[in-house]
Amino acid sequence: MALQTPQAVADAFFHRIATAEDVNEIAELVSENVDWLVAGNTQSVPWIGRKHGRKGVAEFYAQIRAYLSSEHFEIKDILIKDKRLVAIGELASRVKKTQKLIETEFVLDIYIENGLITRFRMFEDSHAVSEACL
């Protein structure tokens, strides 16, 4: 049974981020033409920037797992209007190389069409993320 509602897709997406051993399981929820962007300093933070297709999204999560240890990830609220979903939350991640802790609030701006994520933006304290990687 395909997931169709934005809420159902988001629930599956967040669940897979937390539990999927294979990052391709996460990427299955995005369109092959997804418009995916996490802004920031791509010179010091290898996992951010623009990603293309399911392969790029799988790479994003593989890099996060390679470079970070998650200490806290919480969605505080989800707002939905038509195809747009906005998730507001907070996270704490430790950079494996530097052992510095990134603590930031974040907003995810996601579009979901025909049961797939077609657009993804993450807004966070990109300066803090960059500094923690140095």
N, C-alpha and C. Protein backbone atom coordinates (compact mmCIF):
# COMPACT_ATOMS: atom_id res chain seq x y z
N MET A 1 0.84 -1.19 0.00
CA MET A 1 0.00 0.00 0.00
C MET A 1 0.88 1.25 0.00
N ALA A 2 0.70 2.12 -0.95
CA ALA A 2 1.51 3.33 -1.07
C ALA A 2 1.05 4.38 -0.06
N LEU A 3 2.02 5.08 0.47
CA LEU A 3 1.72 6.19 1.36
C LEU A 3 1.30 7.38 0.51
N GLN A 4 0.23 8.05 0.86
CA GLN A 4 -0.23 9.15 0.02
C GLN A 4 -0.29 10.47 0.76
N THR A 5 -0.82 10.50 1.97
CA THR A 5 -0.99 11.78 2.64
C THR A 5 0.36 12.33 3.08
N PRO A 6 0.50 13.64 3.09
CA PRO A 6 1.75 14.21 3.59
C PRO A 6 2.10 13.72 5.00
N GLN A 7 1.11 13.59 5.87
CA GLN A 7 1.37 13.14 7.24
C GLN A 7 1.91 11.71 7.23
N ALA A 8 1.32 10.81 6.44
CA ALA A 8 1.78 9.42 6.38
C ALA A 8 3.20 9.33 5.82
N VAL A 9 3.48 10.10 4.79
CA VAL A 9 4.83 10.10 4.20
C VAL A 9 5.84 10.64 5.22
N ALA A 10 5.49 11.73 5.90
CA ALA A 10 6.39 12.32 6.89
C ALA A 10 6.64 11.34 8.04
N ASP A 11 5.58 10.69 8.52
CA ASP A 11 5.75 9.72 9.60
C ASP A 11 6.71 8.61 9.19
N ALA A 12 6.54 8.09 7.98
CA ALA A 12 7.42 7.03 7.48
C ALA A 12 8.85 7.54 7.31
N PHE A 13 8.98 8.75 6.79
CA PHE A 13 10.29 9.37 6.57
C PHE A 13 11.06 9.51 7.88
N PHE A 14 10.44 10.11 8.89
CA PHE A 14 11.11 10.31 10.17
C PHE A 14 11.41 8.97 10.85
N HIS A 15 10.51 8.01 10.70
CA HIS A 15 10.75 6.69 11.28
C HIS A 15 11.96 6.02 10.62
N ARG A 16 12.02 6.11 9.30
CA ARG A 16 13.14 5.49 8.58
C ARG A 16 14.46 6.18 8.88
N ILE A 17 14.44 7.51 9.03
CA ILE A 17 15.68 8.22 9.40
C ILE A 17 16.23 7.65 10.69
N ALA A 18 15.34 7.37 11.64
CA ALA A 18 15.76 6.89 12.96
C ALA A 18 16.10 5.41 12.99
N THR A 19 15.47 4.60 12.14
CA THR A 19 15.59 3.15 12.32
C THR A 19 16.19 2.38 11.15
N ALA A 20 16.15 2.92 9.95
CA ALA A 20 16.58 2.15 8.77
C ALA A 20 18.09 1.92 8.80
N GLU A 21 18.49 0.67 8.64
CA GLU A 21 19.91 0.37 8.54
C GLU A 21 20.45 0.74 7.17
N ASP A 22 19.63 0.59 6.15
CA ASP A 22 20.01 0.88 4.77
C ASP A 22 19.46 2.26 4.39
N VAL A 23 20.33 3.20 4.07
CA VAL A 23 19.89 4.56 3.73
C VAL A 23 19.03 4.59 2.48
N ASN A 24 19.10 3.55 1.66
CA ASN A 24 18.24 3.50 0.48
C ASN A 24 16.76 3.38 0.85
N GLU A 25 16.47 2.84 2.04
CA GLU A 25 15.09 2.79 2.52
C GLU A 25 14.54 4.19 2.75
N ILE A 26 15.38 5.10 3.20
CA ILE A 26 14.98 6.50 3.38
C ILE A 26 14.75 7.12 2.00
N ALA A 27 15.68 6.89 1.10
CA ALA A 27 15.62 7.48 -0.24
C ALA A 27 14.43 7.01 -1.05
N GLU A 28 13.87 5.85 -0.72
CA GLU A 28 12.68 5.36 -1.44
C GLU A 28 11.49 6.31 -1.31
N LEU A 29 11.52 7.17 -0.30
CA LEU A 29 10.40 8.08 -0.06
C LEU A 29 10.54 9.41 -0.79
N VAL A 30 11.59 9.56 -1.59
CA VAL A 30 11.76 10.80 -2.34
C VAL A 30 11.63 10.53 -3.83
N SER A 31 11.22 11.54 -4.55
CA SER A 31 11.11 11.47 -6.00
C SER A 31 12.51 11.39 -6.62
N GLU A 32 12.61 10.73 -7.73
CA GLU A 32 13.89 10.68 -8.45
C GLU A 32 14.30 12.08 -8.90
N ASN A 33 13.36 13.01 -8.99
CA ASN A 33 13.64 14.38 -9.38
C ASN A 33 13.57 15.35 -8.20
N VAL A 34 13.80 14.85 -7.00
CA VAL A 34 13.68 15.68 -5.80
C VAL A 34 14.58 16.92 -5.88
N ASP A 35 14.06 18.01 -5.37
CA ASP A 35 14.81 19.27 -5.24
C ASP A 35 15.24 19.34 -3.77
N TRP A 36 16.46 18.91 -3.46
CA TRP A 36 16.94 18.71 -2.09
C TRP A 36 18.08 19.69 -1.81
N LEU A 37 17.94 20.49 -0.76
CA LEU A 37 18.99 21.45 -0.42
C LEU A 37 19.07 21.67 1.08
N VAL A 38 20.29 21.55 1.59
CA VAL A 38 20.62 21.96 2.95
C VAL A 38 21.74 22.98 2.78
N ALA A 39 21.42 24.24 3.06
CA ALA A 39 22.39 25.32 2.83
C ALA A 39 23.48 25.32 3.89
N GLY A 40 24.65 25.81 3.49
CA GLY A 40 25.76 25.94 4.43
C GLY A 40 27.08 25.88 3.69
N ASN A 41 28.15 25.80 4.46
CA ASN A 41 29.51 25.82 3.93
C ASN A 41 29.90 24.42 3.46
N THR A 42 29.79 24.17 2.17
CA THR A 42 30.08 22.86 1.62
C THR A 42 31.58 22.54 1.65
N GLN A 43 32.42 23.53 1.90
CA GLN A 43 33.86 23.28 2.00
C GLN A 43 34.22 22.57 3.31
N SER A 44 33.49 22.88 4.39
CA SER A 44 33.82 22.27 5.68
C SER A 44 32.79 21.23 6.13
N VAL A 45 31.64 21.19 5.47
CA VAL A 45 30.59 20.26 5.86
C VAL A 45 30.23 19.42 4.64
N PRO A 46 30.77 18.21 4.54
CA PRO A 46 30.62 17.43 3.32
C PRO A 46 29.20 16.96 3.00
N TRP A 47 28.34 16.83 3.97
CA TRP A 47 27.01 16.25 3.70
C TRP A 47 25.98 17.27 3.26
N ILE A 48 26.28 18.55 3.35
CA ILE A 48 25.26 19.55 2.99
C ILE A 48 25.39 19.92 1.52
N GLY A 49 24.53 20.84 1.12
CA GLY A 49 24.51 21.27 -0.28
C GLY A 49 23.33 20.67 -1.01
N ARG A 50 23.38 20.74 -2.31
CA ARG A 50 22.30 20.24 -3.16
C ARG A 50 22.56 18.76 -3.47
N LYS A 51 21.53 17.96 -3.36
CA LYS A 51 21.61 16.53 -3.68
C LYS A 51 20.63 16.25 -4.82
N HIS A 52 20.97 15.26 -5.63
CA HIS A 52 20.16 14.95 -6.81
C HIS A 52 19.65 13.52 -6.74
N GLY A 53 18.34 13.37 -6.85
CA GLY A 53 17.70 12.07 -6.92
C GLY A 53 17.83 11.24 -5.67
N ARG A 54 17.32 10.02 -5.78
CA ARG A 54 17.37 9.10 -4.64
C ARG A 54 18.81 8.78 -4.26
N LYS A 55 19.67 8.65 -5.26
CA LYS A 55 21.08 8.36 -4.98
C LYS A 55 21.70 9.47 -4.13
N GLY A 56 21.40 10.72 -4.46
CA GLY A 56 21.94 11.84 -3.70
C GLY A 56 21.42 11.89 -2.28
N VAL A 57 20.14 11.56 -2.10
CA VAL A 57 19.56 11.55 -0.75
C VAL A 57 20.15 10.41 0.07
N ALA A 58 20.34 9.25 -0.53
CA ALA A 58 20.99 8.14 0.17
C ALA A 58 22.41 8.54 0.57
N GLU A 59 23.11 9.23 -0.33
CA GLU A 59 24.46 9.71 -0.03
C GLU A 59 24.43 10.68 1.15
N PHE A 60 23.45 11.59 1.18
CA PHE A 60 23.30 12.55 2.27
C PHE A 60 23.22 11.82 3.62
N TYR A 61 22.35 10.82 3.71
CA TYR A 61 22.19 10.11 4.97
C TYR A 61 23.39 9.21 5.29
N ALA A 62 24.04 8.67 4.28
CA ALA A 62 25.25 7.88 4.51
C ALA A 62 26.36 8.78 5.07
N GLN A 63 26.48 9.99 4.51
CA GLN A 63 27.49 10.92 5.00
C GLN A 63 27.19 11.37 6.42
N ILE A 64 25.93 11.66 6.71
CA ILE A 64 25.56 12.06 8.07
C ILE A 64 25.97 10.96 9.05
N ARG A 65 25.67 9.73 8.70
CA ARG A 65 26.01 8.62 9.59
C ARG A 65 27.52 8.43 9.72
N ALA A 66 28.26 8.73 8.67
CA ALA A 66 29.71 8.59 8.70
C ALA A 66 30.38 9.69 9.54
N TYR A 67 29.82 10.89 9.50
CA TYR A 67 30.46 12.03 10.14
C TYR A 67 29.88 12.40 11.50
N LEU A 68 28.65 11.99 11.79
CA LEU A 68 27.97 12.44 13.01
C LEU A 68 27.45 11.27 13.84
N SER A 69 27.36 11.52 15.13
CA SER A 69 26.63 10.62 16.04
C SER A 69 25.45 11.42 16.57
N SER A 70 24.26 10.93 16.33
CA SER A 70 23.06 11.63 16.79
C SER A 70 22.88 11.43 18.29
N GLU A 71 22.70 12.52 19.00
CA GLU A 71 22.45 12.46 20.44
C GLU A 71 21.01 12.83 20.78
N HIS A 72 20.38 13.59 19.88
CA HIS A 72 18.99 13.99 20.12
C HIS A 72 18.39 14.48 18.81
N PHE A 73 17.19 14.02 18.52
CA PHE A 73 16.45 14.50 17.35
C PHE A 73 14.98 14.46 17.73
N GLU A 74 14.34 15.62 17.72
CA GLU A 74 12.94 15.67 18.13
C GLU A 74 12.16 16.62 17.23
N ILE A 75 11.07 16.11 16.70
CA ILE A 75 10.12 16.94 15.96
C ILE A 75 9.15 17.50 16.99
N LYS A 76 9.09 18.81 17.09
CA LYS A 76 8.21 19.47 18.06
C LYS A 76 6.82 19.72 17.51
N ASP A 77 6.75 20.01 16.21
CA ASP A 77 5.46 20.32 15.61
C ASP A 77 5.53 20.08 14.11
N ILE A 78 4.40 19.70 13.54
CA ILE A 78 4.28 19.54 12.10
C ILE A 78 3.07 20.33 11.63
N LEU A 79 3.28 21.15 10.62
CA LEU A 79 2.22 21.96 10.04
C LEU A 79 2.04 21.51 8.59
N ILE A 80 0.81 21.29 8.19
CA ILE A 80 0.54 20.80 6.83
C ILE A 80 -0.51 21.68 6.17
N LYS A 81 -0.20 22.07 4.93
CA LYS A 81 -1.16 22.78 4.10
C LYS A 81 -1.02 22.24 2.68
N ASP A 82 -2.03 21.55 2.21
CA ASP A 82 -2.01 20.93 0.89
C ASP A 82 -0.80 20.00 0.75
N LYS A 83 0.10 20.29 -0.19
CA LYS A 83 1.26 19.43 -0.44
C LYS A 83 2.48 19.81 0.41
N ARG A 84 2.37 20.90 1.16
CA ARG A 84 3.51 21.40 1.92
C ARG A 84 3.42 20.97 3.37
N LEU A 85 4.56 20.49 3.87
CA LEU A 85 4.69 20.09 5.27
C LEU A 85 5.88 20.83 5.86
N VAL A 86 5.68 21.44 7.00
CA VAL A 86 6.76 22.10 7.72
C VAL A 86 6.91 21.42 9.07
N ALA A 87 8.11 20.94 9.33
CA ALA A 87 8.41 20.28 10.61
C ALA A 87 9.38 21.16 11.38
N ILE A 88 9.06 21.39 12.63
CA ILE A 88 9.89 22.23 13.50
C ILE A 88 10.45 21.33 14.60
N GLY A 89 11.76 21.42 14.83
CA GLY A 89 12.34 20.54 15.83
C GLY A 89 13.67 21.03 16.35
N GLU A 90 14.32 20.13 17.06
CA GLU A 90 15.65 20.41 17.60
C GLU A 90 16.49 19.15 17.52
N LEU A 91 17.79 19.35 17.42
CA LEU A 91 18.69 18.21 17.34
C LEU A 91 19.99 18.51 18.04
N ALA A 92 20.67 17.44 18.39
CA ALA A 92 22.04 17.50 18.91
C ALA A 92 22.80 16.36 18.26
N SER A 93 23.91 16.70 17.62
CA SER A 93 24.75 15.71 16.95
C SER A 93 26.20 15.99 17.29
N ARG A 94 26.96 14.92 17.49
CA ARG A 94 28.39 15.07 17.77
C ARG A 94 29.18 14.74 16.51
N VAL A 95 30.07 15.65 16.16
CA VAL A 95 30.95 15.43 15.01
C VAL A 95 32.02 14.43 15.43
N LYS A 96 32.08 13.32 14.75
CA LYS A 96 33.00 12.24 15.14
C LYS A 96 34.46 12.68 15.11
N LYS A 97 34.83 13.45 14.10
CA LYS A 97 36.24 13.85 13.94
C LYS A 97 36.69 14.82 15.03
N THR A 98 35.85 15.80 15.36
CA THR A 98 36.25 16.85 16.30
C THR A 98 35.70 16.64 17.71
N GLN A 99 34.72 15.76 17.85
CA GLN A 99 34.01 15.51 19.10
C GLN A 99 33.22 16.74 19.59
N LYS A 100 33.04 17.74 18.72
CA LYS A 100 32.24 18.92 19.06
C LYS A 100 30.76 18.60 18.90
N LEU A 101 29.95 19.20 19.77
CA LEU A 101 28.52 18.97 19.76
C LEU A 101 27.82 20.08 19.00
N ILE A 102 26.97 19.71 18.07
CA ILE A 102 26.11 20.65 17.35
C ILE A 102 24.75 20.58 18.02
N GLU A 103 24.28 21.69 18.54
CA GLU A 103 22.92 21.77 19.09
C GLU A 103 22.22 22.89 18.35
N THR A 104 21.10 22.57 17.71
CA THR A 104 20.40 23.58 16.93
C THR A 104 18.92 23.26 16.82
N GLU A 105 18.14 24.30 16.72
CA GLU A 105 16.75 24.13 16.32
C GLU A 105 16.77 24.06 14.79
N PHE A 106 15.73 23.48 14.20
CA PHE A 106 15.68 23.39 12.76
C PHE A 106 14.25 23.47 12.27
N VAL A 107 14.12 23.77 10.99
CA VAL A 107 12.84 23.72 10.29
C VAL A 107 13.08 22.96 9.00
N LEU A 108 12.21 22.01 8.72
CA LEU A 108 12.23 21.29 7.45
C LEU A 108 11.03 21.76 6.65
N ASP A 109 11.26 22.18 5.44
CA ASP A 109 10.21 22.63 4.52
C ASP A 109 10.15 21.58 3.41
N ILE A 110 9.08 20.80 3.39
CA ILE A 110 8.98 19.63 2.53
C ILE A 110 7.71 19.69 1.69
N TYR A 111 7.85 19.37 0.41
CA TYR A 111 6.68 19.20 -0.46
C TYR A 111 6.52 17.72 -0.75
N ILE A 112 5.28 17.24 -0.68
CA ILE A 112 4.99 15.83 -0.91
C ILE A 112 3.89 15.73 -1.97
N GLU A 113 4.22 15.02 -3.05
CA GLU A 113 3.26 14.84 -4.14
C GLU A 113 3.22 13.38 -4.53
N ASN A 114 2.02 12.85 -4.68
CA ASN A 114 1.83 11.45 -5.08
C ASN A 114 2.61 10.49 -4.18
N GLY A 115 2.66 10.79 -2.89
CA GLY A 115 3.29 9.91 -1.92
C GLY A 115 4.79 9.97 -1.86
N LEU A 116 5.42 10.94 -2.55
CA LEU A 116 6.87 11.09 -2.53
C LEU A 116 7.27 12.52 -2.19
N ILE A 117 8.41 12.65 -1.55
CA ILE A 117 8.97 13.97 -1.26
C ILE A 117 9.56 14.51 -2.56
N THR A 118 9.09 15.69 -2.98
CA THR A 118 9.57 16.28 -4.22
C THR A 118 10.46 17.50 -3.99
N ARG A 119 10.39 18.05 -2.78
CA ARG A 119 11.21 19.22 -2.43
C ARG A 119 11.54 19.13 -0.96
N PHE A 120 12.82 19.42 -0.60
CA PHE A 120 13.27 19.35 0.78
C PHE A 120 14.24 20.48 1.05
N ARG A 121 13.97 21.25 2.09
CA ARG A 121 14.89 22.28 2.56
C ARG A 121 15.04 22.11 4.06
N MET A 122 16.28 22.19 4.54
CA MET A 122 16.53 22.18 5.98
C MET A 122 17.16 23.51 6.35
N PHE A 123 16.55 24.15 7.34
CA PHE A 123 17.06 25.41 7.87
C PHE A 123 17.52 25.15 9.29
N GLU A 124 18.80 25.44 9.55
CA GLU A 124 19.40 25.20 10.85
C GLU A 124 20.48 26.24 11.07
N ASP A 125 21.16 26.17 12.20
CA ASP A 125 22.26 27.09 12.46
C ASP A 125 23.49 26.57 11.70
N SER A 126 23.56 26.93 10.43
CA SER A 126 24.62 26.40 9.57
C SER A 126 26.00 26.89 10.01
N HIS A 127 26.08 28.04 10.65
CA HIS A 127 27.36 28.52 11.16
C HIS A 127 27.85 27.59 12.27
N ALA A 128 26.98 27.22 13.18
CA ALA A 128 27.36 26.31 14.27
C ALA A 128 27.79 24.95 13.71
N VAL A 129 27.09 24.48 12.69
CA VAL A 129 27.44 23.19 12.08
C VAL A 129 28.83 23.30 11.47
N SER A 130 29.09 24.35 10.73
CA SER A 130 30.40 24.53 10.10
C SER A 130 31.52 24.63 11.14
N GLU A 131 31.30 25.39 12.18
CA GLU A 131 32.30 25.56 13.25
C GLU A 131 32.61 24.24 13.95
N ALA A 132 31.61 23.42 14.14
CA ALA A 132 31.81 22.13 14.82
C ALA A 132 32.64 21.17 13.99
N CYS A 133 32.65 21.38 12.69
CA CYS A 133 33.41 20.48 11.80
C CYS A 133 34.86 20.88 11.66
N LEU A 134 35.22 22.06 12.15
CA LEU A 134 36.61 22.54 12.03
C LEU A 134 37.46 22.11 13.22
